[in-house]
PDB file of N, CA and C in Angstrom:
ATOM      1  N   UNK A   1      57.380  83.896 114.922  1.00  0.00           N
ATOM      2  CA  UNK A   1      58.215  84.940 114.288  1.00  0.00           C
ATOM      3  C   UNK A   1      59.096  85.503 115.275  1.00  0.00           C
ATOM      4  N   UNK A   2      58.903  85.605 116.241  1.00  0.00           N
ATOM      5  CA  UNK A   2      60.182  85.829 117.436  1.00  0.00           C
ATOM      6  C   UNK A   2      61.182  85.458 117.607  1.00  0.00           C
ATOM      7  N   UNK A   3      60.998  84.099 117.180  1.00  0.00           N
ATOM      8  CA  UNK A   3      62.669  83.247 116.815  1.00  0.00           C
ATOM      9  C   UNK A   3      63.311  83.544 115.298  1.00  0.00           C
ATOM     10  N   UNK A   4      62.434  83.869 114.485  1.00  0.00           N
ATOM     11  CA  UNK A   4      63.062  84.552 113.300  1.00  0.00           C
ATOM     12  C   UNK A   4      63.665  85.735 113.474  1.00  0.00           C
ATOM     13  N   UNK A   5      62.995  86.773 114.109  1.00  0.00           N
ATOM     14  CA  UNK A   5      63.150  88.055 114.243  1.00  0.00           C
ATOM     15  C   UNK A   5      64.691  87.664 114.919  1.00  0.00           C
ATOM     16  N   UNK A   6      64.876  87.248 116.196  1.00  0.00           N
ATOM     17  CA  UNK A   6      65.841  86.746 116.844  1.00  0.00           C
ATOM     18  C   UNK A   6      67.387  86.644 116.164  1.00  0.00           C
ATOM     19  N   UNK A   7      66.892  85.857 115.137  1.00  0.00           N
ATOM     20  CA  UNK A   7      68.103  84.833 114.489  1.00  0.00           C
ATOM     21  C   UNK A   7      68.472  85.998 113.310  1.00  0.00           C
ATOM     22  N   UNK A   8      67.575  86.999 112.587  1.00  0.00           N
ATOM     23  CA  UNK A   8      67.880  88.441 111.970  1.00  0.00           C
ATOM     24  C   UNK A   8      68.756  88.972 112.804  1.00  0.00           C
ATOM     25  N   UNK A   9      68.483  89.616 113.855  1.00  0.00           N
ATOM     26  CA  UNK A   9      69.113  90.468 114.999  1.00  0.00           C
ATOM     27  C   UNK A   9      70.401  90.060 115.361  1.00  0.00           C
ATOM     28  N   UNK A  10      70.794  88.833 115.586  1.00  0.00           N
ATOM     29  CA  UNK A  10      71.767  88.159 116.260  1.00  0.00           C
ATOM     30  C   UNK A  10      72.726  88.181 114.701  1.00  0.00           C
ATOM     31  N   UNK A  11      72.325  87.949 113.650  1.00  0.00           N
ATOM     32  CA  UNK A  11      72.791  87.821 112.201  1.00  0.00           C
ATOM     33  C   UNK A  11      73.515  89.468 112.047  1.00  0.00           C
ATOM     34  N   UNK A  12      72.697  90.220 111.911  1.00  0.00           N
ATOM     35  CA  UNK A  12      73.163  91.618 111.655  1.00  0.00           C
ATOM     36  C   UNK A  12      73.974  91.988 112.938  1.00  0.00           C
ATOM     37  N   UNK A  13      73.881  91.624 114.077  1.00  0.00           N
ATOM     38  CA  UNK A  13      74.853  92.263 115.189  1.00  0.00           C
ATOM     39  C   UNK A  13      76.359  91.350 114.884  1.00  0.00           C
ATOM     40  N   UNK A  14      76.104  90.018 114.483  1.00  0.00           N
ATOM     41  CA  UNK A  14      77.340  89.822 113.823  1.00  0.00           C
ATOM     42  C   UNK A  14      78.384  90.125 112.642  1.00  0.00           C
ATOM     43  N   UNK A  15      77.610  90.569 111.855  1.00  0.00           N
ATOM     44  CA  UNK A  15      77.861  90.869 110.337  1.00  0.00           C
ATOM     45  C   UNK A  15      78.200  92.637 110.859  1.00  0.00           C
ATOM     46  N   UNK A  16      77.705  93.453 111.452  1.00  0.00           N
ATOM     47  CA  UNK A  16      78.132  94.561 111.871  1.00  0.00           C
ATOM     48  C   UNK A  16      79.722  94.545 112.784  1.00  0.00           C
ATOM     49  N   UNK A  17      79.480  93.667 113.705  1.00  0.00           N
ATOM     50  CA  UNK A  17      80.623  93.598 114.242  1.00  0.00           C
ATOM     51  C   UNK A  17      81.745  93.102 113.339  1.00  0.00           C
ATOM     52  N   UNK A  18      81.567  91.867 112.805  1.00  0.00           N
ATOM     53  CA  UNK A  18      82.589  91.856 111.757  1.00  0.00           C
ATOM     54  C   UNK A  18      83.233  92.903 110.933  1.00  0.00           C
ATOM     55  N   UNK A  19      82.365  93.509 110.265  1.00  0.00           N
ATOM     56  CA  UNK A  19      82.623  94.884 109.199  1.00  0.00           C
ATOM     57  C   UNK A  19      83.671  95.665 109.950  1.00  0.00           C
ATOM     58  N   UNK A  20      82.926  95.996 111.390  1.00  0.00           N
ATOM     59  CA  UNK A  20      83.623  97.082 112.194  1.00  0.00           C
ATOM     60  C   UNK A  20      85.095  96.799 112.569  1.00  0.00           C
ATOM     61  N   UNK A  21      84.949  95.322 112.750  1.00  0.00           N
ATOM     62  CA  UNK A  21      86.455  95.119 113.286  1.00  0.00           C
ATOM     63  C   UNK A  21      87.417  95.120 111.915  1.00  0.00           C
ATOM     64  N   UNK A  22      87.028  94.721 111.017  1.00  0.00           N
ATOM     65  CA  UNK A  22      87.892  94.592 109.773  1.00  0.00           C
ATOM     66  C   UNK A  22      88.160  96.172 109.174  1.00  0.00           C
ATOM     67  N   UNK A  23      87.281  97.258 109.472  1.00  0.00           N
ATOM     68  CA  UNK A  23      87.614  98.323 109.241  1.00  0.00           C
ATOM     69  C   UNK A  23      88.574  98.702 110.198  1.00  0.00           C
ATOM     70  N   UNK A  24      88.616  98.770 111.751  1.00  0.00           N
ATOM     71  CA  UNK A  24      89.474  99.237 112.624  1.00  0.00           C
ATOM     72  C   UNK A  24      90.826  98.181 112.438  1.00  0.00           C
ATOM     73  N   UNK A  25      90.852  97.272 112.028  1.00  0.00           N
ATOM     74  CA  UNK A  25      91.971  96.577 111.646  1.00  0.00           C
ATOM     75  C   UNK A  25      92.974  97.462 110.354  1.00  0.00           C
ATOM     76  N   UNK A  26      91.780  97.260 109.242  1.00  0.00           N
ATOM     77  CA  UNK A  26      92.789  98.160 108.273  1.00  0.00           C
ATOM     78  C   UNK A  26      92.968  99.538 108.685  1.00  0.00           C
ATOM     79  N   UNK A  27      92.087 100.797 109.700  1.00  0.00           N
ATOM     80  CA  UNK A  27      92.717 101.385 109.826  1.00  0.00           C
ATOM     81  C   UNK A  27      94.130 101.483 110.620  1.00  0.00           C
ATOM     82  N   UNK A  28      94.437 100.659 111.508  1.00  0.00           N
ATOM     83  CA  UNK A  28      95.689 100.115 112.297  1.00  0.00           C
ATOM     84  C   UNK A  28      96.717 100.063 111.137  1.00  0.00           C
ATOM     85  N   UNK A  29      96.288  99.349 109.973  1.00  0.00           N
ATOM     86  CA  UNK A  29      97.570  98.941 109.197  1.00  0.00           C
ATOM     87  C   UNK A  29      98.109 100.483 108.367  1.00  0.00           C
ATOM     88  N   UNK A  30      97.059 100.920 108.037  1.00  0.00           N
ATOM     89  CA  UNK A  30      97.343 102.032 107.814  1.00  0.00           C
ATOM     90  C   UNK A  30      97.970 103.318 108.339  1.00  0.00           C
ATOM     91  N   UNK A  31      97.678 102.996 109.906  1.00  0.00           N
ATOM     92  CA  UNK A  31      98.408 104.209 111.069  1.00  0.00           C
ATOM     93  C   UNK A  31      99.949 103.644 111.034  1.00  0.00           C
ATOM     94  N   UNK A  32     100.245 102.159 110.923  1.00  0.00           N
ATOM     95  CA  UNK A  32     101.454 101.415 111.166  1.00  0.00           C
ATOM     96  C   UNK A  32     102.166 101.862 110.190  1.00  0.00           C
ATOM     97  N   UNK A  33     101.271 101.894 108.805  1.00  0.00           N
ATOM     98  CA  UNK A  33     102.302 102.093 107.459  1.00  0.00           C
ATOM     99  C   UNK A  33     102.701 103.553 107.608  1.00  0.00           C
ATOM    100  N   UNK A  34     101.835 104.482 107.993  1.00  0.00           N
ATOM    101  CA  UNK A  34     102.565 105.752 107.956  1.00  0.00           C
ATOM    102  C   UNK A  34     103.810 106.085 109.130  1.00  0.00           C
ATOM    103  N   UNK A  35     103.747 105.202 110.397  1.00  0.00           N
ATOM    104  CA  UNK A  35     104.744 105.285 111.259  1.00  0.00           C
ATOM    105  C   UNK A  35     104.559 104.382 112.532  1.00  0.00           C
ATOM    106  N   UNK A  36     105.508 103.843 112.638  1.00  0.00           N
ATOM    107  CA  UNK A  36     105.156 103.209 114.186  1.00  0.00           C
ATOM    108  C   UNK A  36     104.727 103.924 115.232  1.00  0.00           C
ATOM    109  N   UNK A  37     105.030 105.040 115.650  1.00  0.00           N
ATOM    110  CA  UNK A  37     104.602 105.942 116.553  1.00  0.00           C
ATOM    111  C   UNK A  37     103.250 106.111 116.580  1.00  0.00           C
ATOM    112  N   UNK A  38     102.538 106.270 115.600  1.00  0.00           N
ATOM    113  CA  UNK A  38     100.948 106.540 115.196  1.00  0.00           C
ATOM    114  C   UNK A  38     100.645 105.267 114.932  1.00  0.00           C
ATOM    115  N   UNK A  39     100.953 104.256 114.330  1.00  0.00           N
ATOM    116  CA  UNK A  39     100.250 102.385 114.816  1.00  0.00           C
ATOM    117  C   UNK A  39     100.047 102.390 116.670  1.00  0.00           C
ATOM    118  N   UNK A  40     101.303 102.595 117.393  1.00  0.00           N
ATOM    119  CA  UNK A  40     101.422 102.307 118.554  1.00  0.00           C
ATOM    120  C   UNK A  40     100.125 103.204 119.395  1.00  0.00           C
ATOM    121  N   UNK A  41     100.106 104.335 118.942  1.00  0.00           N
ATOM    122  CA  UNK A  41      99.332 105.360 119.589  1.00  0.00           C
ATOM    123  C   UNK A  41      97.676 105.153 119.470  1.00  0.00           C
ATOM    124  N   UNK A  42      97.572 104.680 118.005  1.00  0.00           N
ATOM    125  CA  UNK A  42      96.293 104.405 117.504  1.00  0.00           C
ATOM    126  C   UNK A  42      95.897 103.009 118.322  1.00  0.00           C
ATOM    127  N   UNK A  43      96.891 102.161 118.764  1.00  0.00           N
ATOM    128  CA  UNK A  43      96.545 101.074 119.278  1.00  0.00           C
ATOM    129  C   UNK A  43      96.301 101.087 120.708  1.00  0.00           C
ATOM    130  N   UNK A  44      96.909 101.908 121.263  1.00  0.00           N
ATOM    131  CA  UNK A  44      96.924 101.840 123.006  1.00  0.00           C
ATOM    132  C   UNK A  44      96.149 103.386 123.250  1.00  0.00           C
ATOM    133  N   UNK A  45      96.406 104.161 122.534  1.00  0.00           N
ATOM    134  CA  UNK A  45      95.410 105.469 123.231  1.00  0.00           C
ATOM    135  C   UNK A  45      94.502 106.121 121.869  1.00  0.00           C
ATOM    136  N   UNK A  46      93.657 105.281 121.684  1.00  0.00           N
ATOM    137  CA  UNK A  46      92.774 105.167 120.771  1.00  0.00           C
ATOM    138  C   UNK A  46      92.203 106.781 120.496  1.00  0.00           C
ATOM    139  N   UNK A  47      90.886 106.649 121.382  1.00  0.00           N
ATOM    140  CA  UNK A  47      90.490 108.303 121.032  1.00  0.00           C
ATOM    141  C   UNK A  47      91.575 109.225 120.754  1.00  0.00           C
ATOM    142  N   UNK A  48      91.927 109.955 121.508  1.00  0.00           N
ATOM    143  CA  UNK A  48      92.716 110.958 120.982  1.00  0.00           C
ATOM    144  C   UNK A  48      93.459 111.047 119.801  1.00  0.00           C
ATOM    145  N   UNK A  49      94.603 109.756 119.523  1.00  0.00           N
ATOM    146  CA  UNK A  49      95.290 109.634 118.888  1.00  0.00           C
ATOM    147  C   UNK A  49      94.687 109.002 117.412  1.00  0.00           C
ATOM    148  N   UNK A  50      94.107 108.227 117.353  1.00  0.00           N
ATOM    149  CA  UNK A  50      92.955 107.888 116.117  1.00  0.00           C
ATOM    150  C   UNK A  50      92.562 108.890 115.717  1.00  0.00           C
ATOM    151  N   UNK A  51      91.876 109.736 116.387  1.00  0.00           N
ATOM    152  CA  UNK A  51      91.019 111.224 115.803  1.00  0.00           C
ATOM    153  C   UNK A  51      92.228 112.168 115.074  1.00  0.00           C
ATOM    154  N   UNK A  52      93.299 112.287 115.966  1.00  0.00           N
ATOM    155  CA  UNK A  52      94.161 113.222 115.241  1.00  0.00           C
ATOM    156  C   UNK A  52      94.374 112.162 113.948  1.00  0.00           C
ATOM    157  N   UNK A  53      94.980 111.286 114.290  1.00  0.00           N
ATOM    158  CA  UNK A  53      95.374 110.552 112.774  1.00  0.00           C
ATOM    159  C   UNK A  53      94.603 110.355 111.549  1.00  0.00           C
ATOM    160  N   UNK A  54      93.266 110.361 111.768  1.00  0.00           N
ATOM    161  CA  UNK A  54      92.026 110.498 110.979  1.00  0.00           C
ATOM    162  C   UNK A  54      91.898 111.793 110.510  1.00  0.00           C
ATOM    163  N   UNK A  55      92.114 112.998 111.108  1.00  0.00           N
ATOM    164  CA  UNK A  55      92.001 114.060 110.645  1.00  0.00           C
ATOM    165  C   UNK A  55      93.340 114.378 109.648  1.00  0.00           C
ATOM    166  N   UNK A  56      94.524 113.952 110.217  1.00  0.00           N
ATOM    167  CA  UNK A  56      95.582 114.436 109.762  1.00  0.00           C
ATOM    168  C   UNK A  56      95.978 113.640 108.261  1.00  0.00           C
ATOM    169  N   UNK A  57      95.701 112.359 108.170  1.00  0.00           N
ATOM    170  CA  UNK A  57      95.839 111.379 107.424  1.00  0.00           C
ATOM    171  C   UNK A  57      94.480 110.819 106.589  1.00  0.00           C
ATOM    172  N   UNK A  58      93.324 111.839 106.322  1.00  0.00           N
ATOM    173  CA  UNK A  58      91.960 111.381 105.858  1.00  0.00           C
ATOM    174  C   UNK A  58      92.362 110.765 104.734  1.00  0.00           C
ATOM    175  N   UNK A  59      92.843 111.036 103.568  1.00  0.00           N
ATOM    176  CA  UNK A  59      92.757 110.338 102.630  1.00  0.00           C
ATOM    177  C   UNK A  59      93.416 108.956 102.457  1.00  0.00           C
ATOM    178  N   UNK A  60      94.271 108.726 103.213  1.00  0.00           N
ATOM    179  CA  UNK A  60      94.820 106.971 103.580  1.00  0.00           C
ATOM    180  C   UNK A  60      93.865 106.427 104.700  1.00  0.00           C
ATOM    181  N   UNK A  61      93.303 107.164 105.646  1.00  0.00           N
ATOM    182  CA  UNK A  61      92.490 106.553 106.344  1.00  0.00           C
ATOM    183  C   UNK A  61      90.679 106.561 106.185  1.00  0.00           C
ATOM    184  N   UNK A  62      90.317 107.297 105.139  1.00  0.00           N
ATOM    185  CA  UNK A  62      89.003 107.447 104.861  1.00  0.00           C
ATOM    186  C   UNK A  62      87.958 106.288 104.586  1.00  0.00           C
ATOM    187  N   UNK A  63      88.767 105.390 103.832  1.00  0.00           N
ATOM    188  CA  UNK A  63      88.172 104.128 103.370  1.00  0.00           C
ATOM    189  C   UNK A  63      87.789 103.139 104.645  1.00  0.00           C
ATOM    190  N   UNK A  64      88.911 102.567 105.493  1.00  0.00           N
ATOM    191  CA  UNK A  64      88.792 102.390 106.805  1.00  0.00           C
ATOM    192  C   UNK A  64      87.702 102.931 107.498  1.00  0.00           C
ATOM    193  N   UNK A  65      87.648 103.678 107.600  1.00  0.00           N
ATOM    194  CA  UNK A  65      86.747 105.213 108.591  1.00  0.00           C
ATOM    195  C   UNK A  65      85.275 104.400 107.910  1.00  0.00           C
ATOM    196  N   UNK A  66      84.907 104.687 106.916  1.00  0.00           N
ATOM    197  CA  UNK A  66      83.655 104.490 106.178  1.00  0.00           C
ATOM    198  C   UNK A  66      83.180 103.025 106.386  1.00  0.00           C
ATOM    199  N   UNK A  67      84.366 101.951 106.667  1.00  0.00           N
ATOM    200  CA  UNK A  67      83.809 100.801 106.902  1.00  0.00           C
ATOM    201  C   UNK A  67      83.410 100.226 108.214  1.00  0.00           C
ATOM    202  N   UNK A  68      84.122 100.936 108.864  1.00  0.00           N
ATOM    203  CA  UNK A  68      84.081 100.866 110.647  1.00  0.00           C
ATOM    204  C   UNK A  68      82.533 101.722 110.698  1.00  0.00           C
ATOM    205  N   UNK A  69      82.105 102.587 110.293  1.00  0.00           N
ATOM    206  CA  UNK A  69      81.003 103.275 110.424  1.00  0.00           C
ATOM    207  C   UNK A  69      79.850 102.121 109.643  1.00  0.00           C
ATOM    208  N   UNK A  70      80.542 101.462 108.564  1.00  0.00           N
ATOM    209  CA  UNK A  70      79.159 100.898 108.189  1.00  0.00           C
ATOM    210  C   UNK A  70      78.887  99.934 109.191  1.00  0.00           C
ATOM    211  N   UNK A  71      79.690  99.192 109.668  1.00  0.00           N
ATOM    212  CA  UNK A  71      79.628  97.971 110.767  1.00  0.00           C
ATOM    213  C   UNK A  71      79.051  98.822 111.574  1.00  0.00           C
ATOM    214  N   UNK A  72      79.204 100.075 112.174  1.00  0.00           N
ATOM    215  CA  UNK A  72      78.529 100.443 113.395  1.00  0.00           C
ATOM    216  C   UNK A  72      76.918 100.442 113.020  1.00  0.00           C
ATOM    217  N   UNK A  73      76.760 101.257 111.799  1.00  0.00           N
ATOM    218  CA  UNK A  73      75.463 101.411 111.289  1.00  0.00           C
ATOM    219  C   UNK A  73      74.662 100.261 111.302  1.00  0.00           C
ATOM    220  N   UNK A  74      75.029  99.421 111.143  1.00  0.00           N
ATOM    221  CA  UNK A  74      74.612  97.939 111.123  1.00  0.00           C
ATOM    222  C   UNK A  74      73.708  97.186 112.235  1.00  0.00           C
ATOM    223  N   UNK A  75      75.086  97.624 113.290  1.00  0.00           N
ATOM    224  CA  UNK A  75      74.971  97.261 114.765  1.00  0.00           C
ATOM    225  C   UNK A  75      73.838  98.025 115.013  1.00  0.00           C
ATOM    226  N   UNK A  76      73.485  99.411 114.799  1.00  0.00           N
ATOM    227  CA  UNK A  76      72.683 100.209 115.418  1.00  0.00           C
ATOM    228  C   UNK A  76      71.257  99.679 114.795  1.00  0.00           C
ATOM    229  N   UNK A  77      71.062  99.311 113.430  1.00  0.00           N
ATOM    230  CA  UNK A  77      69.714  98.820 112.868  1.00  0.00           C
ATOM    231  C   UNK A  77      69.433  97.307 113.891  1.00  0.00           C
ATOM    232  N   UNK A  78      70.208  96.476 113.953  1.00  0.00           N
ATOM    233  CA  UNK A  78      70.055  95.250 114.805  1.00  0.00           C
ATOM    234  C   UNK A  78      69.614  95.632 116.191  1.00  0.00           C
ATOM    235  N   UNK A  79      70.276  96.535 116.761  1.00  0.00           N
ATOM    236  CA  UNK A  79      69.614  97.088 118.127  1.00  0.00           C
ATOM    237  C   UNK A  79      68.515  97.564 118.140  1.00  0.00           C
ATOM    238  N   UNK A  80      68.018  98.344 117.067  1.00  0.00           N
ATOM    239  CA  UNK A  80      66.603  99.198 116.726  1.00  0.00           C
ATOM    240  C   UNK A  80      65.675  97.611 116.801  1.00  0.00           C
ATOM    241  N   UNK A  81      66.045  97.097 115.644  1.00  0.00           N
ATOM    242  CA  UNK A  81      65.284  95.884 115.428  1.00  0.00           C
ATOM    243  C   UNK A  81      65.196  94.783 116.571  1.00  0.00           C
ATOM    244  N   UNK A  82      66.292  94.769 117.481  1.00  0.00           N
ATOM    245  CA  UNK A  82      65.742  93.960 119.187  1.00  0.00           C
ATOM    246  C   UNK A  82      65.038  94.513 119.811  1.00  0.00           C
ATOM    247  N   UNK A  83      64.976  96.022 119.729  1.00  0.00           N
ATOM    248  CA  UNK A  83      64.363  96.434 120.778  1.00  0.00           C
ATOM    249  C   UNK A  83      62.826  96.232 120.529  1.00  0.00           C
ATOM    250  N   UNK A  84      62.638  96.084 119.243  1.00  0.00           N
ATOM    251  CA  UNK A  84      61.086  96.041 118.800  1.00  0.00           C
ATOM    252  C   UNK A  84      60.554  94.626 119.130  1.00  0.00           C
ATOM    253  N   UNK A  85      61.486  93.543 119.332  1.00  0.00           N
ATOM    254  CA  UNK A  85      60.876  92.107 119.744  1.00  0.00           C
ATOM    255  C   UNK A  85      60.325  92.089 121.013  1.00  0.00           C
ATOM    256  N   UNK A  86      59.243  91.816 121.170  1.00  0.00           N
ATOM    257  CA  UNK A  86      58.656  91.592 122.505  1.00  0.00           C
ATOM    258  C   UNK A  86      59.280  90.433 123.379  1.00  0.00           C
ATOM    259  N   UNK A  87      59.278  91.127 124.912  1.00  0.00           N
ATOM    260  CA  UNK A  87      60.039  89.870 125.554  1.00  0.00           C
ATOM    261  C   UNK A  87      59.297  88.627 125.680  1.00  0.00           C
ATOM    262  N   UNK A  88      59.939  87.730 125.574  1.00  0.00           N
ATOM    263  CA  UNK A  88      59.380  86.268 125.626  1.00  0.00           C
ATOM    264  C   UNK A  88      58.672  85.879 124.602  1.00  0.00           C
ATOM    265  N   UNK A  89      59.508  86.559 123.510  1.00  0.00           N
ATOM    266  CA  UNK A  89      58.558  85.846 122.054  1.00  0.00           C
ATOM    267  C   UNK A  89      59.985  85.411 121.256  1.00  0.00           C
TER     268      UNK A  89
END
């Protein structure tokens, strides 16, 4: 049973990571479409610029934000499930 659970956890981690990355790429595409400065700022100065961009351009960026959030939620679920697996099993 431990190996089956490990496979599920690893699969969820991989799926969550891919979904979060897709959302992140979508966010960058929206930022670059808005302006090269926004795109570069979101790419290189992620935290402050991305947060400002998200608030200022909510309608354009909310879909990518929620996709990233969904991917992160799947990763958190996988981590919680992974913590339930007994070591050595």
